[in-house]
C-alpha atoms as a PDB file:
ATOM      1  CA  MET A   1      71.053 140.896 -14.822  1.00  0.00           C
ATOM      2  CA  ALA A   2      69.702 137.412 -14.177  1.00  0.00           C
ATOM      3  CA  PRO A   3      72.290 134.760 -13.319  1.00  0.00           C
ATOM      4  CA  ASP A   4      73.411 132.475 -16.117  1.00  0.00           C
ATOM      5  CA  HIS A   5      72.086 128.944 -15.500  1.00  0.00           C
ATOM      6  CA  HIS A   6      73.264 127.570 -18.821  1.00  0.00           C
ATOM      7  CA  VAL A   7      74.231 123.918 -18.436  1.00  0.00           C
ATOM      8  CA  ARG A   8      77.589 122.800 -19.828  1.00  0.00           C
ATOM      9  CA  ASP A   9      77.254 120.483 -22.786  1.00  0.00           C
ATOM     10  CA  ASP A  10      79.435 117.779 -21.248  1.00  0.00           C
ATOM     11  CA  ILE A  11      77.875 117.191 -17.826  1.00  0.00           C
ATOM     12  CA  THR A  12      77.703 113.465 -17.127  1.00  0.00           C
ATOM     13  CA  VAL A  13      77.216 111.452 -13.949  1.00  0.00           C
ATOM     14  CA  LYS A  14      78.214 107.810 -13.523  1.00  0.00           C
ATOM     15  CA  PHE A  15      76.115 105.346 -11.547  1.00  0.00           C
ATOM     16  CA  THR A  16      77.371 101.866 -10.691  1.00  0.00           C
ATOM     17  CA  PHE A  17      74.822  99.281  -9.583  1.00  0.00           C
ATOM     18  CA  ILE A  18      76.310  96.369  -7.638  1.00  0.00           C
ATOM     19  CA  ARG A  19      74.753  93.110  -6.537  1.00  0.00           C
ATOM     20  CA  HIS A  20      75.697  91.912  -3.052  1.00  0.00           C
ATOM     21  CA  GLY A  21      78.158  89.101  -2.379  1.00  0.00           C
ATOM     22  CA  GLU A  22      77.158  85.474  -1.984  1.00  0.00           C
ATOM     23  CA  SER A  23      74.775  84.995   0.944  1.00  0.00           C
ATOM     24  CA  THR A  24      73.970  81.919   2.983  1.00  0.00           C
ATOM     25  CA  ASP A  25      70.458  81.973   1.488  1.00  0.00           C
ATOM     26  CA  ASN A  26      71.937  81.968  -2.028  1.00  0.00           C
ATOM     27  CA  LEU A  27      73.571  78.675  -1.114  1.00  0.00           C
ATOM     28  CA  ARG A  28      70.349  77.281   0.354  1.00  0.00           C
ATOM     29  CA  ALA A  29      68.441  78.068  -2.879  1.00  0.00           C
ATOM     30  CA  VAL A  30      65.485  79.674  -1.133  1.00  0.00           C
ATOM     31  CA  TRP A  31      63.365  82.709  -1.897  1.00  0.00           C
ATOM     32  CA  ALA A  32      65.255  85.438  -0.046  1.00  0.00           C
ATOM     33  CA  GLY A  33      63.800  88.860  -0.682  1.00  0.00           C
ATOM     34  CA  TRP A  34      63.608  90.681   2.630  1.00  0.00           C
ATOM     35  CA  ARG A  35      65.133  87.823   4.644  1.00  0.00           C
ATOM     36  CA  ASP A  36      68.202  89.272   6.327  1.00  0.00           C
ATOM     37  CA  SER A  37      70.755  86.562   5.594  1.00  0.00           C
ATOM     38  CA  GLU A  38      74.476  87.115   6.144  1.00  0.00           C
ATOM     39  CA  LEU A  39      77.180  86.929   3.535  1.00  0.00           C
ATOM     40  CA  SER A  40      78.930  83.586   3.392  1.00  0.00           C
ATOM     41  CA  ASN A  41      82.664  83.588   4.042  1.00  0.00           C
ATOM     42  CA  HIS A  42      83.147  83.335   0.287  1.00  0.00           C
ATOM     43  CA  GLY A  43      80.722  86.229  -0.165  1.00  0.00           C
ATOM     44  CA  LYS A  44      82.891  88.397   2.089  1.00  0.00           C
ATOM     45  CA  ILE A  45      85.950  87.457   0.043  1.00  0.00           C
ATOM     46  CA  GLN A  46      84.020  88.531  -3.063  1.00  0.00           C
ATOM     47  CA  ALA A  47      83.081  91.837  -1.393  1.00  0.00           C
ATOM     48  CA  ASP A  48      86.683  92.524  -0.408  1.00  0.00           C
ATOM     49  CA  ALA A  49      87.831  91.777  -3.970  1.00  0.00           C
ATOM     50  CA  LEU A  50      85.164  94.170  -5.252  1.00  0.00           C
ATOM     51  CA  GLY A  51      86.423  96.872  -2.911  1.00  0.00           C
ATOM     52  CA  ARG A  52      90.014  96.434  -4.058  1.00  0.00           C
ATOM     53  CA  SER A  53      88.940  96.655  -7.686  1.00  0.00           C
ATOM     54  CA  PHE A  54      87.310 100.053  -6.991  1.00  0.00           C
ATOM     55  CA  ALA A  55      90.132 101.364  -4.795  1.00  0.00           C
ATOM     56  CA  THR A  56      91.412 103.671  -7.541  1.00  0.00           C
ATOM     57  CA  THR A  57      87.908 104.746  -8.610  1.00  0.00           C
ATOM     58  CA  SER A  58      86.885 107.878  -6.736  1.00  0.00           C
ATOM     59  CA  LEU A  59      83.287 107.416  -5.604  1.00  0.00           C
ATOM     60  CA  THR A  60      81.101 110.319  -4.492  1.00  0.00           C
ATOM     61  CA  ALA A  61      78.839 108.248  -2.255  1.00  0.00           C
ATOM     62  CA  ILE A  62      77.429 104.765  -1.737  1.00  0.00           C
ATOM     63  CA  HIS A  63      73.749 103.958  -1.279  1.00  0.00           C
ATOM     64  CA  SER A  64      72.887 100.503   0.027  1.00  0.00           C
ATOM     65  CA  SER A  65      69.985  98.272   0.822  1.00  0.00           C
ATOM     66  CA  PRO A  66      69.879  97.888   4.630  1.00  0.00           C
ATOM     67  CA  LEU A  67      69.842  94.081   4.362  1.00  0.00           C
ATOM     68  CA  LYS A  68      73.049  92.584   5.776  1.00  0.00           C
ATOM     69  CA  ARG A  69      74.212  90.903   2.597  1.00  0.00           C
ATOM     70  CA  ALA A  70      74.120  94.235   0.759  1.00  0.00           C
ATOM     71  CA  LEU A  71      75.315  96.451   3.605  1.00  0.00           C
ATOM     72  CA  THR A  72      78.360  94.266   4.356  1.00  0.00           C
ATOM     73  CA  THR A  73      79.242  94.412   0.652  1.00  0.00           C
ATOM     74  CA  ALA A  74      78.815  98.201   0.662  1.00  0.00           C
ATOM     75  CA  GLU A  75      81.043  98.538   3.729  1.00  0.00           C
ATOM     76  CA  ALA A  76      83.817  96.577   1.992  1.00  0.00           C
ATOM     77  CA  LEU A  77      83.504  98.941  -0.986  1.00  0.00           C
ATOM     78  CA  LYS A  78      83.601 102.004   1.282  1.00  0.00           C
ATOM     79  CA  ASN A  79      86.568 100.787   3.337  1.00  0.00           C
ATOM     80  CA  ALA A  80      88.694 100.346   0.215  1.00  0.00           C
ATOM     81  CA  GLN A  81      88.328 103.992  -0.852  1.00  0.00           C
ATOM     82  CA  ASP A  82      91.328 106.286  -0.369  1.00  0.00           C
ATOM     83  CA  THR A  83      89.243 109.016   1.249  1.00  0.00           C
ATOM     84  CA  PRO A  84      86.161 108.795   3.506  1.00  0.00           C
ATOM     85  CA  ILE A  85      82.869 108.858   1.615  1.00  0.00           C
ATOM     86  CA  PRO A  86      79.281 108.694   2.877  1.00  0.00           C
ATOM     87  CA  LEU A  87      77.425 105.390   2.996  1.00  0.00           C
ATOM     88  CA  HIS A  88      73.632 105.729   3.121  1.00  0.00           C
ATOM     89  CA  THR A  89      71.099 102.940   3.643  1.00  0.00           C
ATOM     90  CA  TYR A  90      67.706 103.182   1.979  1.00  0.00           C
ATOM     91  CA  PRO A  91      64.882 100.658   2.537  1.00  0.00           C
ATOM     92  CA  LEU A  92      63.560 101.099  -1.013  1.00  0.00           C
ATOM     93  CA  LEU A  93      66.740  99.416  -2.306  1.00  0.00           C
ATOM     94  CA  ARG A  94      65.711  96.058  -0.828  1.00  0.00           C
ATOM     95  CA  GLU A  95      65.008  93.058  -3.019  1.00  0.00           C
ATOM     96  CA  GLN A  96      61.534  92.031  -4.156  1.00  0.00           C
ATOM     97  CA  HIS A  97      59.486  90.925  -1.155  1.00  0.00           C
ATOM     98  CA  PHE A  98      58.306  87.332  -1.594  1.00  0.00           C
ATOM     99  CA  GLY A  99      55.778  87.324   1.244  1.00  0.00           C
ATOM    100  CA  ARG A 100      54.930  83.817   2.449  1.00  0.00           C
ATOM    101  CA  GLY A 101      57.459  82.481  -0.020  1.00  0.00           C
ATOM    102  CA  GLU A 102      60.348  83.956   1.992  1.00  0.00           C
ATOM    103  CA  GLY A 103      62.648  81.142   3.082  1.00  0.00           C
ATOM    104  CA  GLN A 104      60.810  78.550   0.984  1.00  0.00           C
ATOM    105  CA  ARG A 105      62.819  76.472  -1.446  1.00  0.00           C
ATOM    106  CA  TYR A 106      62.242  77.537  -5.006  1.00  0.00           C
ATOM    107  CA  ASP A 107      61.773  75.317  -8.011  1.00  0.00           C
ATOM    108  CA  VAL A 108      61.936  76.871 -11.464  1.00  0.00           C
ATOM    109  CA  ARG A 109      59.607  74.230 -12.885  1.00  0.00           C
ATOM    110  CA  ARG A 110      55.832  74.560 -12.751  1.00  0.00           C
ATOM    111  CA  GLU A 111      53.430  71.689 -13.156  1.00  0.00           C
ATOM    112  CA  SER A 112      51.441  71.899 -16.366  1.00  0.00           C
ATOM    113  CA  GLY A 113      47.876  73.078 -15.865  1.00  0.00           C
ATOM    114  CA  LEU A 114      48.395  74.250 -12.275  1.00  0.00           C
ATOM    115  CA  SER A 115      47.979  77.888 -11.305  1.00  0.00           C
ATOM    116  CA  LEU A 116      50.387  79.628  -8.976  1.00  0.00           C
ATOM    117  CA  ALA A 117      47.793  79.429  -6.198  1.00  0.00           C
ATOM    118  CA  ALA A 118      47.438  75.685  -6.744  1.00  0.00           C
ATOM    119  CA  HIS A 119      51.203  75.241  -6.445  1.00  0.00           C
ATOM    120  CA  ILE A 120      51.254  77.217  -3.205  1.00  0.00           C
ATOM    121  CA  ALA A 121      48.386  75.126  -1.839  1.00  0.00           C
ATOM    122  CA  LYS A 122      50.662  72.120  -2.336  1.00  0.00           C
ATOM    123  CA  GLY A 123      53.471  73.863  -0.475  1.00  0.00           C
ATOM    124  CA  LYS A 124      55.439  74.690  -3.621  1.00  0.00           C
ATOM    125  CA  TYR A 125      56.786  78.118  -4.566  1.00  0.00           C
ATOM    126  CA  PRO A 126      57.788  77.977  -8.241  1.00  0.00           C
ATOM    127  CA  ALA A 127      59.149  80.643 -10.563  1.00  0.00           C
ATOM    128  CA  ILE A 128      56.942  83.690 -11.078  1.00  0.00           C
ATOM    129  CA  TYR A 129      56.180  84.064 -14.754  1.00  0.00           C
ATOM    130  CA  ASN A 130      54.756  87.540 -15.216  1.00  0.00           C
ATOM    131  CA  ARG A 131      54.880  91.024 -13.746  1.00  0.00           C
ATOM    132  CA  SER A 132      51.577  90.844 -11.892  1.00  0.00           C
ATOM    133  CA  GLU A 133      51.965  87.473 -10.152  1.00  0.00           C
ATOM    134  CA  ARG A 134      52.977  87.482  -6.509  1.00  0.00           C
ATOM    135  CA  PHE A 135      53.205  85.147  -3.554  1.00  0.00           C
ATOM    136  CA  PRO A 136      50.673  85.852  -0.792  1.00  0.00           C
ATOM    137  CA  GLU A 137      51.635  88.982   1.189  1.00  0.00           C
ATOM    138  CA  GLY A 138      54.466  89.690  -1.221  1.00  0.00           C
ATOM    139  CA  GLU A 139      55.268  92.068  -4.083  1.00  0.00           C
ATOM    140  CA  CYS A 140      54.843  91.590  -7.808  1.00  0.00           C
ATOM    141  CA  LEU A 141      57.377  93.000 -10.247  1.00  0.00           C
ATOM    142  CA  ASN A 142      55.128  95.975 -10.951  1.00  0.00           C
ATOM    143  CA  ASP A 143      55.356  96.851  -7.249  1.00  0.00           C
ATOM    144  CA  VAL A 144      59.148  96.605  -7.399  1.00  0.00           C
ATOM    145  CA  ALA A 145      59.177  98.884 -10.449  1.00  0.00           C
ATOM    146  CA  LYS A 146      57.295 101.554  -8.481  1.00  0.00           C
ATOM    147  CA  ARG A 147      59.959 101.429  -5.785  1.00  0.00           C
ATOM    148  CA  ALA A 148      62.654 101.725  -8.444  1.00  0.00           C
ATOM    149  CA  ASP A 149      60.950 104.784  -9.938  1.00  0.00           C
ATOM    150  CA  GLN A 150      60.895 106.335  -6.470  1.00  0.00           C
ATOM    151  CA  VAL A 151      64.635 105.752  -6.027  1.00  0.00           C
ATOM    152  CA  VAL A 152      65.264 107.516  -9.340  1.00  0.00           C
ATOM    153  CA  GLU A 153      63.170 110.475  -8.172  1.00  0.00           C
ATOM    154  CA  ASP A 154      64.459 110.666  -4.597  1.00  0.00           C
ATOM    155  CA  VAL A 155      68.128 109.742  -4.975  1.00  0.00           C
ATOM    156  CA  ILE A 156      69.401 109.678  -8.564  1.00  0.00           C
ATOM    157  CA  LEU A 157      67.873 112.851 -10.014  1.00  0.00           C
ATOM    158  CA  PRO A 158      69.202 115.032  -7.170  1.00  0.00           C
ATOM    159  CA  TYR A 159      72.742 113.998  -8.119  1.00  0.00           C
ATOM    160  CA  LEU A 160      72.062 115.043 -11.712  1.00  0.00           C
ATOM    161  CA  ARG A 161      70.718 118.403 -10.548  1.00  0.00           C
ATOM    162  CA  GLN A 162      73.734 118.906  -8.323  1.00  0.00           C
ATOM    163  CA  ALA A 163      76.145 118.035 -11.114  1.00  0.00           C
ATOM    164  CA  ALA A 164      74.410 120.519 -13.425  1.00  0.00           C
ATOM    165  CA  ASN A 165      74.363 123.266 -10.802  1.00  0.00           C
ATOM    166  CA  GLU A 166      78.038 122.740  -9.947  1.00  0.00           C
ATOM    167  CA  SER A 167      79.046 122.133 -13.576  1.00  0.00           C
ATOM    168  CA  THR A 168      81.022 119.061 -12.569  1.00  0.00           C
ATOM    169  CA  ASN A 169      81.829 115.752 -14.223  1.00  0.00           C
ATOM    170  CA  ASP A 170      83.352 114.218 -11.114  1.00  0.00           C
ATOM    171  CA  MET A 171      80.295 112.459  -9.689  1.00  0.00           C
ATOM    172  CA  HIS A 172      80.268 108.658  -9.530  1.00  0.00           C
ATOM    173  CA  VAL A 173      77.661 107.140  -7.230  1.00  0.00           C
ATOM    174  CA  ALA A 174      77.469 103.466  -6.288  1.00  0.00           C
ATOM    175  CA  PHE A 175      74.336 101.531  -5.355  1.00  0.00           C
ATOM    176  CA  VAL A 176      74.597  98.150  -3.622  1.00  0.00           C
ATOM    177  CA  SER A 177      71.376  96.211  -3.914  1.00  0.00           C
ATOM    178  CA  HIS A 178      69.891  92.948  -5.197  1.00  0.00           C
ATOM    179  CA  GLY A 179      69.560  91.186  -8.532  1.00  0.00           C
ATOM    180  CA  ILE A 180      65.881  91.697  -9.334  1.00  0.00           C
ATOM    181  CA  PHE A 181      65.718  95.207  -7.931  1.00  0.00           C
ATOM    182  CA  ILE A 182      68.796  96.365  -9.853  1.00  0.00           C
ATOM    183  CA  GLY A 183      67.162  95.211 -13.085  1.00  0.00           C
ATOM    184  CA  GLU A 184      64.117  97.364 -12.343  1.00  0.00           C
ATOM    185  CA  LEU A 185      66.221 100.333 -11.220  1.00  0.00           C
ATOM    186  CA  VAL A 186      68.490 100.399 -14.279  1.00  0.00           C
ATOM    187  CA  ALA A 187      65.483 100.068 -16.584  1.00  0.00           C
ATOM    188  CA  SER A 188      63.722 102.922 -14.801  1.00  0.00           C
ATOM    189  CA  LEU A 189      66.742 105.191 -15.224  1.00  0.00           C
ATOM    190  CA  VAL A 190      67.184 104.279 -18.888  1.00  0.00           C
ATOM    191  CA  ARG A 191      63.525 105.061 -19.553  1.00  0.00           C
ATOM    192  CA  ARG A 192      63.941 108.370 -17.744  1.00  0.00           C
ATOM    193  CA  GLY A 193      66.558 109.229 -20.363  1.00  0.00           C
ATOM    194  CA  GLY A 194      64.140 108.444 -23.189  1.00  0.00           C
ATOM    195  CA  GLY A 195      65.364 104.950 -23.946  1.00  0.00           C
ATOM    196  CA  LYS A 196      63.479 101.688 -24.165  1.00  0.00           C
ATOM    197  CA  ALA A 197      64.416  99.134 -21.551  1.00  0.00           C
ATOM    198  CA  GLU A 198      63.289  95.736 -20.338  1.00  0.00           C
ATOM    199  CA  PRO A 199      64.260  95.066 -16.697  1.00  0.00           C
ATOM    200  CA  LYS A 200      65.113  91.443 -17.483  1.00  0.00           C
ATOM    201  CA  SER A 201      67.914  92.713 -19.736  1.00  0.00           C
ATOM    202  CA  TYR A 202      69.727  94.031 -16.666  1.00  0.00           C
ATOM    203  CA  ARG A 203      69.234  91.070 -14.354  1.00  0.00           C
ATOM    204  CA  GLY A 204      71.470  88.036 -14.109  1.00  0.00           C
ATOM    205  CA  LEU A 205      74.236  89.770 -12.176  1.00  0.00           C
ATOM    206  CA  LYS A 206      76.685  87.462 -10.470  1.00  0.00           C
ATOM    207  CA  ASN A 207      77.370  88.046  -6.797  1.00  0.00           C
ATOM    208  CA  THR A 208      79.268  91.391  -6.632  1.00  0.00           C
ATOM    209  CA  GLY A 209      78.807  91.806 -10.384  1.00  0.00           C
ATOM    210  CA  TRP A 210      78.155  95.398 -11.390  1.00  0.00           C
ATOM    211  CA  THR A 211      76.547  97.488 -14.106  1.00  0.00           C
ATOM    212  CA  LEU A 212      77.760 100.966 -15.072  1.00  0.00           C
ATOM    213  CA  VAL A 213      75.322 103.593 -16.330  1.00  0.00           C
ATOM    214  CA  THR A 214      76.275 107.037 -17.647  1.00  0.00           C
ATOM    215  CA  ALA A 215      73.693 109.821 -17.679  1.00  0.00           C
ATOM    216  CA  LYS A 216      74.240 113.054 -19.624  1.00  0.00           C
ATOM    217  CA  VAL A 217      72.372 116.259 -18.821  1.00  0.00           C
ATOM    218  CA  LYS A 218      70.895 118.160 -21.770  1.00  0.00           C
ATOM    219  CA  ASN A 219      72.569 121.387 -22.819  1.00  0.00           C
ATOM    220  CA  GLU A 220      69.707 123.840 -22.464  1.00  0.00           C
ATOM    221  CA  GLN A 221      68.771 126.971 -20.555  1.00  0.00           C
ATOM    222  CA  GLU A 222      67.439 125.962 -17.171  1.00  0.00           C
ATOM    223  CA  GLU A 223      64.568 128.145 -16.042  1.00  0.00           C
ATOM    224  CA  GLU A 224      63.547 128.551 -12.449  1.00  0.00           C
ATOM    225  CA  GLY A 225      61.296 125.675 -11.397  1.00  0.00           C
ATOM    226  CA  VAL A 226      62.164 123.586 -14.453  1.00  0.00           C
ATOM    227  CA  ASP A 227      63.882 120.286 -13.752  1.00  0.00           C
ATOM    228  CA  VAL A 228      67.133 119.230 -15.367  1.00  0.00           C
ATOM    229  CA  SER A 229      66.434 116.917 -18.303  1.00  0.00           C
ATOM    230  CA  LEU A 230      68.575 114.180 -19.763  1.00  0.00           C
ATOM    231  CA  GLN A 231      70.148 113.922 -23.190  1.00  0.00           C
ATOM    232  CA  TYR A 232      70.767 110.223 -22.770  1.00  0.00           C
ATOM    233  CA  VAL A 233      71.233 107.392 -20.306  1.00  0.00           C
ATOM    234  CA  ARG A 234      73.557 104.624 -21.472  1.00  0.00           C
ATOM    235  CA  VAL A 235      74.427 101.262 -19.984  1.00  0.00           C
ATOM    236  CA  THR A 236      78.146 101.074 -20.768  1.00  0.00           C
ATOM    237  CA  GLN A 237      79.039  97.886 -18.848  1.00  0.00           C
ATOM    238  CA  HIS A 238      76.863  95.075 -17.584  1.00  0.00           C
ATOM    239  CA  ASN A 239      77.644  92.265 -15.149  1.00  0.00           C
ATOM    240  CA  SER A 240      81.319  93.146 -14.884  1.00  0.00           C
ATOM    241  CA  CYS A 241      83.029  90.746 -12.498  1.00  0.00           C
ATOM    242  CA  GLU A 242      86.716  90.596 -13.441  1.00  0.00           C
ATOM    243  CA  HIS A 243      87.530  91.050  -9.755  1.00  0.00           C
ATOM    244  CA  LEU A 244      86.235  87.512  -9.144  1.00  0.00           C
ATOM    245  CA  GLU A 245      88.860  85.891 -11.370  1.00  0.00           C
ATOM    246  CA  GLY A 246      91.119  83.612  -9.375  1.00  0.00           C
ATOM    247  CA  LEU A 247      89.005  83.600  -6.217  1.00  0.00           C
ATOM    248  CA  VAL A 248      88.903  80.159  -4.645  1.00  0.00           C
ATOM    249  CA  ARG A 249      86.321  78.993  -2.124  1.00  0.00           C
ATOM    250  CA  GLN A 250      87.782  78.011   1.237  1.00  0.00           C
ATOM    251  CA  LYS A 251      88.083  74.274   1.702  1.00  0.00           C
ATOM    252  CA  GLY A 252      86.319  72.162   4.280  1.00  0.00           C
ATOM    253  CA  GLY A 253      83.012  73.954   3.852  1.00  0.00           C
ATOM    254  CA  MET A 254      84.329  77.164   5.449  1.00  0.00           C
ATOM    255  CA  GLY A 255      83.515  79.201   2.359  1.00  0.00           C
ATOM    256  CA  SER A 256      79.842  78.310   2.645  1.00  0.00           C
ATOM    257  CA  THR A 257      79.401  79.195   6.314  1.00  0.00           C
ATOM    258  CA  ALA A 258      78.155  82.596   7.408  1.00  0.00           C
ATOM    259  CA  TYR A 259      80.756  85.341   7.594  1.00  0.00           C
ATOM    260  CA  ASP A 260      81.548  86.342  11.173  1.00  0.00           C
ATOM    261  CA  PRO A 261      83.519  89.601  11.626  1.00  0.00           C
ATOM    262  CA  ALA A 262      84.954  88.198  14.877  1.00  0.00           C
ATOM    263  CA  GLN A 263      86.885  85.632  12.845  1.00  0.00           C
ATOM    264  CA  LYS A 264      89.328  88.366  11.824  1.00  0.00           C
ATOM    265  CA  ASP A 265      90.203  89.015  15.456  1.00  0.00           C
ATOM    266  CA  ILE A 266      90.732  85.314  16.095  1.00  0.00           C
ATOM    267  CA  ARG A 267      93.053  84.964  13.097  1.00  0.00           C
ATOM    268  CA  SER A 268      95.116  87.926  14.242  1.00  0.00           C
ATOM    269  CA  PHE A 269      95.549  86.553  17.787  1.00  0.00           C
ATOM    270  CA  PHE A 270      98.862  84.994  16.749  1.00  0.00           C
ATOM    271  CA  LYS A 271     101.145  87.154  14.630  1.00  0.00           C
ATOM    272  CA  ILE A 272     103.707  85.512  12.400  1.00  0.00           C
ATOM    273  CA  ARG A 273     107.274  86.740  12.066  1.00  0.00           C
ATOM    274  CA  GLY A 274     109.954  84.744  10.309  1.00  0.00           C
ATOM    275  CA  GLY A 275     107.666  81.725  10.186  1.00  0.00           C
ATOM    276  CA  SER A 276     107.206  81.418  13.954  1.00  0.00           C
ATOM    277  CA  LYS A 277     104.490  82.465  16.372  1.00  0.00           C
ATOM    278  CA  ILE A 278     105.117  85.467  18.568  1.00  0.00           C
ATOM    279  CA  PRO A 279     104.212  84.638  22.186  1.00  0.00           C
ATOM    280  CA  THR A 280     101.676  86.952  23.806  1.00  0.00           C
ATOM    281  CA  LYS A 281     101.075  87.675  27.448  1.00  0.00           C
ATOM    282  CA  HIS A 282      98.314  85.078  27.318  1.00  0.00           C
ATOM    283  CA  SER A 283     100.608  82.315  25.976  1.00  0.00           C
END
């Protein structure tokens, strides 16, 4: 008798898409797609707050852009989990590549009657208005959408297959990426579930803001060689950032400087007990 591959009618997988913490390039207001800027000190505080807010949420795995601002955020999320979970980096999760615009100051305004090329000739890199425009040597939004589709195929769908095969509802996978790319990725997944989606509807995430998507596998007989299909994909929360409430930027400009992991060691050089410093052998 052939094995029963009937899919349970309640198989769902959760996917949380998280924007990285504040970076030094965010503060400089420059085009920062593939530029590998660090988190600011305030950005690291945001990432730590994010991690604490997910400490009681059991994650299956984390997938991150390899860029430092995303990876440092992902590491804070991972370190706050009760049990060890895998953290994978994936180059396709990087932000839109802005080519020669990388590191250039952006200005939302465009001069009337001037093409994008004419602006660039004047040394200006304004907002990109449509999905086919790009800066020289960079990506357009249609290129970013192709990368997003590939992430759905290579990373997200395998989790859905695994959940169906194991008949489990316990999967919750986090992705740490970038604002524009997350918009394209969420839209791609929603469309995969048969819905209509505009990527711009899922942009606008604050630093460490997150969007939760639930995907439900269809209840149907799975034949050999036939892929698992989806009953629906729903965006249940968008730009959630309650963990940022009450966070205060460090005074004296410290919050805006680049985060340096060595600072933690320096702060712990002197331990405090009863309000006084404990002498060390180096005192």
